[in-house]
Amino acid sequence: MPGKNIHGDWEMLKYAIVFGSIYLLCIVVSVAASSLLNFDLPSSMGIIILIAALTAPVQSFVKDHQRVFTTGERALFAAWIGLAVVVLNLCLGVAFLYGTDALLGGTNPIKAMLAQAARSGISAPVAFLAMAAMSFVVSWIVAFFFAGFYARQSLKRLGVS
């Protein structure tokens, strides 16, 4: 129930902002490195970046509270993470959609995907909404389970019983 937990629902926003900053930095660095070194990123890079960006806010929560997340806090944390991923991915997707034609020489994979969706009768907003929903669900699942696992590991490292 909102407002009933010990620390308040909005406290998780602090950890989501930390996550979002690290997530954005990791994406920018990985895309810049792959562009400069002229290699393709593996398809699993999105999950790798998501997990890497989750480590700092989970460890920060454990350090601040000297305990692991409750199930409700973990669900709320995962929801904030999912929302951050959706917002950042949509912003980056739109920027990539409109800002990379000159850089890529006209071969934009998002435009190709949207063209394929249009041939299937799916409009661009519906395609973006479907991508956002999938991003949220996958991010929520990964964040929920990783937060539980990594919080326990962090608690052991801090030596709190």
N, C-alpha and C. Protein backbone atom coordinates (compact mmCIF):
# COMPACT_ATOMS: atom_id res chain seq x y z
N MET A 1 0.85 -1.17 0.00
CA MET A 1 0.00 0.00 0.00
C MET A 1 0.91 1.25 0.00
N PRO A 2 0.64 2.22 -0.87
CA PRO A 2 1.49 3.40 -0.93
C PRO A 2 1.54 4.15 0.40
N GLY A 3 2.74 4.59 0.75
CA GLY A 3 2.91 5.39 1.94
C GLY A 3 2.97 4.60 3.23
N LYS A 4 2.86 3.26 3.16
CA LYS A 4 2.83 2.45 4.37
C LYS A 4 4.18 1.84 4.72
N ASN A 5 5.14 1.84 3.78
CA ASN A 5 6.42 1.25 4.15
C ASN A 5 7.23 2.23 4.99
N ILE A 6 8.26 1.73 5.63
CA ILE A 6 9.02 2.50 6.62
C ILE A 6 9.67 3.73 6.00
N HIS A 7 10.23 3.58 4.82
CA HIS A 7 11.07 4.63 4.26
C HIS A 7 10.38 5.50 3.21
N GLY A 8 9.17 5.20 2.86
CA GLY A 8 8.45 6.01 1.88
C GLY A 8 8.70 5.53 0.47
N ASP A 9 7.66 5.61 -0.35
CA ASP A 9 7.74 5.13 -1.72
C ASP A 9 8.71 5.94 -2.56
N TRP A 10 8.85 7.22 -2.28
CA TRP A 10 9.68 8.08 -3.12
C TRP A 10 11.17 7.91 -2.86
N GLU A 11 11.53 7.24 -1.78
CA GLU A 11 12.95 7.04 -1.51
C GLU A 11 13.61 6.20 -2.60
N MET A 12 12.87 5.28 -3.18
CA MET A 12 13.42 4.43 -4.24
C MET A 12 13.77 5.25 -5.47
N LEU A 13 13.17 6.42 -5.61
CA LEU A 13 13.50 7.30 -6.74
C LEU A 13 14.98 7.68 -6.72
N LYS A 14 15.53 7.89 -5.54
CA LYS A 14 16.95 8.22 -5.40
C LYS A 14 17.82 7.14 -6.03
N TYR A 15 17.48 5.89 -5.76
CA TYR A 15 18.25 4.77 -6.30
C TYR A 15 18.01 4.61 -7.80
N ALA A 16 16.81 4.93 -8.26
CA ALA A 16 16.52 4.88 -9.69
C ALA A 16 17.29 5.94 -10.45
N ILE A 17 17.48 7.10 -9.84
CA ILE A 17 18.27 8.18 -10.49
C ILE A 17 19.73 7.76 -10.59
N VAL A 18 20.26 7.13 -9.55
CA VAL A 18 21.63 6.62 -9.61
C VAL A 18 21.73 5.58 -10.72
N PHE A 19 20.75 4.66 -10.76
CA PHE A 19 20.73 3.65 -11.81
C PHE A 19 20.69 4.29 -13.19
N GLY A 20 19.77 5.24 -13.38
CA GLY A 20 19.62 5.88 -14.69
C GLY A 20 20.89 6.57 -15.16
N SER A 21 21.58 7.22 -14.25
CA SER A 21 22.84 7.89 -14.60
C SER A 21 23.89 6.88 -15.07
N ILE A 22 24.02 5.81 -14.32
CA ILE A 22 25.00 4.79 -14.68
C ILE A 22 24.59 4.07 -15.96
N TYR A 23 23.31 3.78 -16.11
CA TYR A 23 22.78 3.11 -17.30
C TYR A 23 23.07 3.95 -18.55
N LEU A 24 22.77 5.23 -18.48
CA LEU A 24 23.01 6.11 -19.61
C LEU A 24 24.50 6.19 -19.93
N LEU A 25 25.33 6.34 -18.92
CA LEU A 25 26.78 6.39 -19.12
C LEU A 25 27.29 5.10 -19.77
N CYS A 26 26.83 3.96 -19.30
CA CYS A 26 27.26 2.68 -19.87
C CYS A 26 26.84 2.55 -21.33
N ILE A 27 25.62 2.98 -21.66
CA ILE A 27 25.16 2.92 -23.05
C ILE A 27 26.01 3.82 -23.93
N VAL A 28 26.23 5.05 -23.49
CA VAL A 28 27.01 5.99 -24.29
C VAL A 28 28.43 5.47 -24.50
N VAL A 29 29.05 4.97 -23.45
CA VAL A 29 30.42 4.46 -23.57
C VAL A 29 30.48 3.24 -24.48
N SER A 30 29.54 2.31 -24.34
CA SER A 30 29.58 1.10 -25.17
C SER A 30 29.31 1.42 -26.64
N VAL A 31 28.37 2.32 -26.91
CA VAL A 31 28.09 2.69 -28.30
C VAL A 31 29.25 3.47 -28.89
N ALA A 32 29.82 4.38 -28.12
CA ALA A 32 30.97 5.15 -28.61
C ALA A 32 32.16 4.23 -28.87
N ALA A 33 32.42 3.32 -27.96
CA ALA A 33 33.55 2.40 -28.15
C ALA A 33 33.34 1.51 -29.36
N SER A 34 32.12 0.99 -29.52
CA SER A 34 31.87 0.12 -30.68
C SER A 34 31.94 0.90 -31.98
N SER A 35 31.54 2.17 -31.97
CA SER A 35 31.63 3.00 -33.17
C SER A 35 33.08 3.34 -33.51
N LEU A 36 33.84 3.73 -32.49
CA LEU A 36 35.23 4.09 -32.72
C LEU A 36 36.08 2.89 -33.13
N LEU A 37 35.81 1.75 -32.53
CA LEU A 37 36.59 0.55 -32.83
C LEU A 37 35.99 -0.27 -33.98
N ASN A 38 34.85 0.19 -34.48
CA ASN A 38 34.18 -0.41 -35.64
C ASN A 38 33.87 -1.90 -35.43
N PHE A 39 33.17 -2.20 -34.34
CA PHE A 39 32.69 -3.57 -34.13
C PHE A 39 31.25 -3.52 -33.67
N ASP A 40 30.55 -4.62 -33.88
CA ASP A 40 29.14 -4.72 -33.49
C ASP A 40 29.02 -5.15 -32.03
N LEU A 41 28.03 -4.59 -31.37
CA LEU A 41 27.75 -4.98 -29.99
C LEU A 41 26.98 -6.30 -29.99
N PRO A 42 27.27 -7.20 -29.06
CA PRO A 42 26.49 -8.44 -28.99
C PRO A 42 25.05 -8.14 -28.56
N SER A 43 24.15 -9.02 -28.92
CA SER A 43 22.74 -8.79 -28.60
C SER A 43 22.48 -8.80 -27.10
N SER A 44 23.33 -9.42 -26.33
CA SER A 44 23.14 -9.48 -24.88
C SER A 44 23.66 -8.23 -24.17
N MET A 45 24.20 -7.27 -24.91
CA MET A 45 24.80 -6.09 -24.28
C MET A 45 23.77 -5.29 -23.47
N GLY A 46 22.52 -5.26 -23.90
CA GLY A 46 21.50 -4.53 -23.15
C GLY A 46 21.31 -5.08 -21.74
N ILE A 47 21.28 -6.41 -21.62
CA ILE A 47 21.13 -7.04 -20.30
C ILE A 47 22.41 -6.83 -19.48
N ILE A 48 23.56 -6.92 -20.13
CA ILE A 48 24.83 -6.72 -19.43
C ILE A 48 24.88 -5.31 -18.85
N ILE A 49 24.48 -4.31 -19.65
CA ILE A 49 24.48 -2.92 -19.18
C ILE A 49 23.46 -2.75 -18.05
N LEU A 50 22.31 -3.36 -18.18
CA LEU A 50 21.28 -3.28 -17.14
C LEU A 50 21.80 -3.83 -15.81
N ILE A 51 22.42 -4.98 -15.85
CA ILE A 51 22.94 -5.60 -14.63
C ILE A 51 24.09 -4.77 -14.06
N ALA A 52 24.98 -4.29 -14.92
CA ALA A 52 26.10 -3.47 -14.44
C ALA A 52 25.60 -2.19 -13.77
N ALA A 53 24.57 -1.59 -14.34
CA ALA A 53 24.04 -0.35 -13.77
C ALA A 53 23.26 -0.60 -12.49
N LEU A 54 22.79 -1.80 -12.27
CA LEU A 54 22.04 -2.11 -11.04
C LEU A 54 22.94 -2.28 -9.82
N THR A 55 24.21 -2.59 -10.02
CA THR A 55 25.06 -2.89 -8.88
C THR A 55 25.19 -1.73 -7.90
N ALA A 56 25.43 -0.53 -8.40
CA ALA A 56 25.64 0.63 -7.50
C ALA A 56 24.39 0.98 -6.68
N PRO A 57 23.21 1.11 -7.28
CA PRO A 57 22.06 1.46 -6.43
C PRO A 57 21.68 0.37 -5.43
N VAL A 58 21.85 -0.91 -5.80
CA VAL A 58 21.55 -1.99 -4.85
C VAL A 58 22.53 -1.93 -3.69
N GLN A 59 23.80 -1.78 -4.01
CA GLN A 59 24.81 -1.71 -2.95
C GLN A 59 24.59 -0.47 -2.07
N SER A 60 24.19 0.63 -2.69
CA SER A 60 23.91 1.85 -1.94
C SER A 60 22.74 1.65 -0.98
N PHE A 61 21.68 0.96 -1.44
CA PHE A 61 20.54 0.69 -0.56
C PHE A 61 20.98 -0.15 0.64
N VAL A 62 21.75 -1.19 0.38
CA VAL A 62 22.20 -2.07 1.46
C VAL A 62 23.08 -1.30 2.43
N LYS A 63 23.96 -0.47 1.92
CA LYS A 63 24.84 0.31 2.79
C LYS A 63 24.04 1.32 3.62
N ASP A 64 23.05 1.97 3.00
CA ASP A 64 22.23 2.95 3.71
C ASP A 64 21.38 2.33 4.81
N HIS A 65 20.83 1.14 4.56
CA HIS A 65 19.85 0.55 5.47
C HIS A 65 20.38 -0.64 6.27
N GLN A 66 21.57 -1.12 5.93
CA GLN A 66 22.17 -2.26 6.63
C GLN A 66 21.26 -3.49 6.60
N ARG A 67 20.56 -3.68 5.49
CA ARG A 67 19.68 -4.84 5.32
C ARG A 67 19.36 -4.99 3.84
N VAL A 68 18.76 -6.12 3.49
CA VAL A 68 18.33 -6.33 2.11
C VAL A 68 16.94 -5.71 1.91
N PHE A 69 16.50 -5.68 0.67
CA PHE A 69 15.17 -5.17 0.34
C PHE A 69 14.10 -6.11 0.89
N THR A 70 12.98 -5.55 1.32
CA THR A 70 11.80 -6.38 1.55
C THR A 70 11.23 -6.69 0.17
N THR A 71 10.31 -7.62 0.09
CA THR A 71 9.73 -7.97 -1.20
C THR A 71 9.02 -6.77 -1.83
N GLY A 72 8.30 -6.01 -1.03
CA GLY A 72 7.61 -4.82 -1.53
C GLY A 72 8.59 -3.76 -2.02
N GLU A 73 9.66 -3.56 -1.27
CA GLU A 73 10.67 -2.58 -1.68
C GLU A 73 11.36 -3.02 -2.96
N ARG A 74 11.60 -4.31 -3.07
CA ARG A 74 12.24 -4.83 -4.28
C ARG A 74 11.33 -4.66 -5.50
N ALA A 75 10.04 -4.90 -5.32
CA ALA A 75 9.08 -4.72 -6.41
C ALA A 75 9.01 -3.24 -6.82
N LEU A 76 8.98 -2.36 -5.83
CA LEU A 76 8.95 -0.92 -6.11
C LEU A 76 10.25 -0.47 -6.78
N PHE A 77 11.37 -0.94 -6.27
CA PHE A 77 12.68 -0.64 -6.87
C PHE A 77 12.69 -1.10 -8.34
N ALA A 78 12.23 -2.31 -8.59
CA ALA A 78 12.20 -2.84 -9.96
C ALA A 78 11.28 -2.02 -10.85
N ALA A 79 10.16 -1.53 -10.30
CA ALA A 79 9.25 -0.69 -11.10
C ALA A 79 9.91 0.62 -11.47
N TRP A 80 10.61 1.25 -10.52
CA TRP A 80 11.33 2.49 -10.83
C TRP A 80 12.42 2.23 -11.88
N ILE A 81 13.11 1.10 -11.76
CA ILE A 81 14.16 0.75 -12.72
C ILE A 81 13.53 0.54 -14.10
N GLY A 82 12.43 -0.17 -14.15
CA GLY A 82 11.74 -0.39 -15.42
C GLY A 82 11.31 0.92 -16.05
N LEU A 83 10.79 1.83 -15.24
CA LEU A 83 10.38 3.14 -15.76
C LEU A 83 11.59 3.93 -16.28
N ALA A 84 12.70 3.88 -15.54
CA ALA A 84 13.91 4.57 -15.98
C ALA A 84 14.42 4.01 -17.30
N VAL A 85 14.40 2.69 -17.44
CA VAL A 85 14.85 2.05 -18.68
C VAL A 85 13.95 2.47 -19.85
N VAL A 86 12.65 2.47 -19.64
CA VAL A 86 11.73 2.85 -20.71
C VAL A 86 11.96 4.29 -21.13
N VAL A 87 12.03 5.20 -20.18
CA VAL A 87 12.22 6.62 -20.51
C VAL A 87 13.55 6.84 -21.23
N LEU A 88 14.63 6.27 -20.69
CA LEU A 88 15.94 6.46 -21.32
C LEU A 88 16.01 5.80 -22.69
N ASN A 89 15.45 4.59 -22.83
CA ASN A 89 15.48 3.93 -24.13
C ASN A 89 14.64 4.65 -25.16
N LEU A 90 13.49 5.19 -24.76
CA LEU A 90 12.67 5.94 -25.72
C LEU A 90 13.38 7.23 -26.14
N CYS A 91 13.98 7.92 -25.19
CA CYS A 91 14.73 9.14 -25.53
C CYS A 91 15.90 8.83 -26.45
N LEU A 92 16.65 7.79 -26.11
CA LEU A 92 17.78 7.41 -26.95
C LEU A 92 17.31 6.90 -28.31
N GLY A 93 16.20 6.17 -28.32
CA GLY A 93 15.66 5.68 -29.59
C GLY A 93 15.23 6.80 -30.52
N VAL A 94 14.55 7.79 -29.98
CA VAL A 94 14.12 8.94 -30.80
C VAL A 94 15.34 9.72 -31.27
N ALA A 95 16.31 9.93 -30.37
CA ALA A 95 17.53 10.64 -30.78
C ALA A 95 18.26 9.85 -31.86
N PHE A 96 18.31 8.55 -31.71
CA PHE A 96 18.98 7.71 -32.69
C PHE A 96 18.21 7.73 -34.01
N LEU A 97 16.89 7.70 -33.91
CA LEU A 97 16.05 7.68 -35.10
C LEU A 97 16.25 8.93 -35.95
N TYR A 98 16.30 10.09 -35.31
CA TYR A 98 16.38 11.33 -36.05
C TYR A 98 17.80 11.90 -36.17
N GLY A 99 18.74 11.41 -35.36
CA GLY A 99 20.04 12.05 -35.34
C GLY A 99 21.19 11.29 -35.95
N THR A 100 20.94 10.11 -36.49
CA THR A 100 22.08 9.30 -36.92
C THR A 100 22.16 9.05 -38.41
N ASP A 101 21.27 9.58 -39.20
CA ASP A 101 21.34 9.32 -40.65
C ASP A 101 22.68 9.75 -41.23
N ALA A 102 23.17 10.90 -40.83
CA ALA A 102 24.46 11.37 -41.35
C ALA A 102 25.60 10.50 -40.87
N LEU A 103 25.53 10.06 -39.61
CA LEU A 103 26.59 9.23 -39.06
C LEU A 103 26.62 7.83 -39.67
N LEU A 104 25.45 7.28 -39.95
CA LEU A 104 25.37 5.90 -40.44
C LEU A 104 25.25 5.82 -41.96
N GLY A 105 25.24 6.93 -42.63
CA GLY A 105 25.13 6.90 -44.08
C GLY A 105 23.78 6.42 -44.57
N GLY A 106 22.74 6.71 -43.82
CA GLY A 106 21.38 6.36 -44.27
C GLY A 106 20.92 4.98 -43.86
N THR A 107 21.74 4.19 -43.20
CA THR A 107 21.33 2.85 -42.77
C THR A 107 20.98 2.90 -41.29
N ASN A 108 19.75 3.20 -41.01
CA ASN A 108 19.30 3.32 -39.62
C ASN A 108 18.43 2.11 -39.28
N PRO A 109 18.87 1.24 -38.37
CA PRO A 109 18.10 0.03 -38.07
C PRO A 109 16.72 0.29 -37.47
N ILE A 110 16.56 1.39 -36.75
CA ILE A 110 15.24 1.69 -36.18
C ILE A 110 14.27 2.04 -37.31
N LYS A 111 14.73 2.82 -38.28
CA LYS A 111 13.85 3.14 -39.42
C LYS A 111 13.48 1.88 -40.19
N ALA A 112 14.42 0.96 -40.34
CA ALA A 112 14.13 -0.30 -41.03
C ALA A 112 13.09 -1.11 -40.25
N MET A 113 13.22 -1.14 -38.93
CA MET A 113 12.26 -1.86 -38.10
C MET A 113 10.87 -1.23 -38.18
N LEU A 114 10.82 0.12 -38.15
CA LEU A 114 9.53 0.80 -38.25
C LEU A 114 8.92 0.60 -39.62
N ALA A 115 9.74 0.56 -40.67
CA ALA A 115 9.23 0.30 -42.02
C ALA A 115 8.64 -1.10 -42.10
N GLN A 116 9.31 -2.08 -41.49
CA GLN A 116 8.78 -3.45 -41.46
C GLN A 116 7.47 -3.50 -40.68
N ALA A 117 7.40 -2.78 -39.57
CA ALA A 117 6.16 -2.74 -38.79
C ALA A 117 5.04 -2.11 -39.60
N ALA A 118 5.36 -1.04 -40.36
CA ALA A 118 4.34 -0.38 -41.19
C ALA A 118 3.83 -1.33 -42.27
N ARG A 119 4.73 -2.13 -42.85
CA ARG A 119 4.29 -3.11 -43.86
C ARG A 119 3.37 -4.16 -43.24
N SER A 120 3.53 -4.41 -41.95
CA SER A 120 2.69 -5.37 -41.24
C SER A 120 1.41 -4.73 -40.72
N GLY A 121 1.25 -3.42 -40.95
CA GLY A 121 0.05 -2.72 -40.50
C GLY A 121 0.14 -2.15 -39.10
N ILE A 122 1.34 -2.03 -38.56
CA ILE A 122 1.53 -1.49 -37.21
C ILE A 122 2.09 -0.09 -37.34
N SER A 123 1.47 0.88 -36.68
CA SER A 123 1.94 2.26 -36.76
C SER A 123 3.18 2.44 -35.88
N ALA A 124 3.94 3.50 -36.14
CA ALA A 124 5.16 3.79 -35.39
C ALA A 124 4.88 3.96 -33.89
N PRO A 125 3.84 4.72 -33.49
CA PRO A 125 3.58 4.85 -32.05
C PRO A 125 3.26 3.51 -31.37
N VAL A 126 2.55 2.65 -32.07
CA VAL A 126 2.23 1.34 -31.49
C VAL A 126 3.51 0.50 -31.38
N ALA A 127 4.38 0.59 -32.38
CA ALA A 127 5.65 -0.14 -32.32
C ALA A 127 6.51 0.35 -31.16
N PHE A 128 6.59 1.68 -30.97
CA PHE A 128 7.34 2.22 -29.84
C PHE A 128 6.71 1.82 -28.51
N LEU A 129 5.38 1.81 -28.45
CA LEU A 129 4.69 1.40 -27.23
C LEU A 129 4.96 -0.07 -26.91
N ALA A 130 4.98 -0.92 -27.93
CA ALA A 130 5.29 -2.34 -27.72
C ALA A 130 6.72 -2.51 -27.23
N MET A 131 7.65 -1.75 -27.82
CA MET A 131 9.05 -1.82 -27.36
C MET A 131 9.17 -1.34 -25.92
N ALA A 132 8.43 -0.29 -25.58
CA ALA A 132 8.47 0.24 -24.21
C ALA A 132 7.93 -0.79 -23.22
N ALA A 133 6.83 -1.44 -23.59
CA ALA A 133 6.24 -2.45 -22.70
C ALA A 133 7.19 -3.62 -22.50
N MET A 134 7.82 -4.07 -23.58
CA MET A 134 8.77 -5.18 -23.46
C MET A 134 9.98 -4.77 -22.63
N SER A 135 10.46 -3.55 -22.84
CA SER A 135 11.60 -3.05 -22.05
C SER A 135 11.25 -3.01 -20.57
N PHE A 136 10.05 -2.53 -20.25
CA PHE A 136 9.64 -2.44 -18.85
C PHE A 136 9.58 -3.82 -18.22
N VAL A 137 8.93 -4.76 -18.89
CA VAL A 137 8.76 -6.10 -18.31
C VAL A 137 10.10 -6.79 -18.10
N VAL A 138 10.96 -6.76 -19.13
CA VAL A 138 12.27 -7.42 -19.00
C VAL A 138 13.10 -6.74 -17.91
N SER A 139 13.09 -5.41 -17.89
CA SER A 139 13.86 -4.67 -16.89
C SER A 139 13.35 -4.94 -15.48
N TRP A 140 12.03 -5.00 -15.33
CA TRP A 140 11.44 -5.27 -14.02
C TRP A 140 11.86 -6.65 -13.53
N ILE A 141 11.78 -7.65 -14.39
CA ILE A 141 12.13 -9.01 -14.00
C ILE A 141 13.61 -9.09 -13.61
N VAL A 142 14.48 -8.54 -14.45
CA VAL A 142 15.92 -8.58 -14.16
C VAL A 142 16.22 -7.82 -12.87
N ALA A 143 15.65 -6.63 -12.71
CA ALA A 143 15.92 -5.82 -11.52
C ALA A 143 15.38 -6.49 -10.26
N PHE A 144 14.20 -7.08 -10.33
CA PHE A 144 13.61 -7.73 -9.16
C PHE A 144 14.49 -8.87 -8.66
N PHE A 145 14.89 -9.74 -9.57
CA PHE A 145 15.69 -10.89 -9.14
C PHE A 145 17.12 -10.52 -8.83
N PHE A 146 17.71 -9.63 -9.61
CA PHE A 146 19.09 -9.22 -9.36
C PHE A 146 19.20 -8.45 -8.05
N ALA A 147 18.22 -7.61 -7.75
CA ALA A 147 18.26 -6.83 -6.50
C ALA A 147 18.27 -7.74 -5.29
N GLY A 148 17.50 -8.80 -5.33
CA GLY A 148 17.50 -9.75 -4.22
C GLY A 148 18.82 -10.48 -4.09
N PHE A 149 19.33 -10.97 -5.21
CA PHE A 149 20.59 -11.71 -5.19
C PHE A 149 21.76 -10.81 -4.78
N TYR A 150 21.89 -9.67 -5.44
CA TYR A 150 23.05 -8.82 -5.19
C TYR A 150 22.98 -8.14 -3.82
N ALA A 151 21.78 -7.87 -3.33
CA ALA A 151 21.65 -7.27 -2.00
C ALA A 151 22.18 -8.22 -0.94
N ARG A 152 21.88 -9.51 -1.08
CA ARG A 152 22.40 -10.50 -0.13
C ARG A 152 23.92 -10.57 -0.21
N GLN A 153 24.47 -10.51 -1.43
CA GLN A 153 25.93 -10.53 -1.59
C GLN A 153 26.56 -9.29 -0.97
N SER A 154 25.95 -8.13 -1.18
CA SER A 154 26.46 -6.88 -0.62
C SER A 154 26.41 -6.90 0.90
N LEU A 155 25.34 -7.45 1.44
CA LEU A 155 25.20 -7.53 2.90
C LEU A 155 26.31 -8.41 3.50
N LYS A 156 26.62 -9.50 2.83
CA LYS A 156 27.72 -10.36 3.29
C LYS A 156 29.04 -9.61 3.26
N ARG A 157 29.27 -8.84 2.19
CA ARG A 157 30.53 -8.09 2.09
C ARG A 157 30.64 -7.01 3.16
N LEU A 158 29.49 -6.44 3.54
CA LEU A 158 29.52 -5.42 4.60
C LEU A 158 29.69 -6.05 5.98
N GLY A 159 29.47 -7.34 6.07
CA GLY A 159 29.64 -8.03 7.34
C GLY A 159 28.50 -7.82 8.31
N VAL A 160 27.33 -7.47 7.79
CA VAL A 160 26.15 -7.27 8.64
C VAL A 160 25.42 -8.61 8.72
N SER A 161 25.06 -9.01 9.92
CA SER A 161 24.36 -10.31 10.06
C SER A 161 22.88 -10.13 10.15
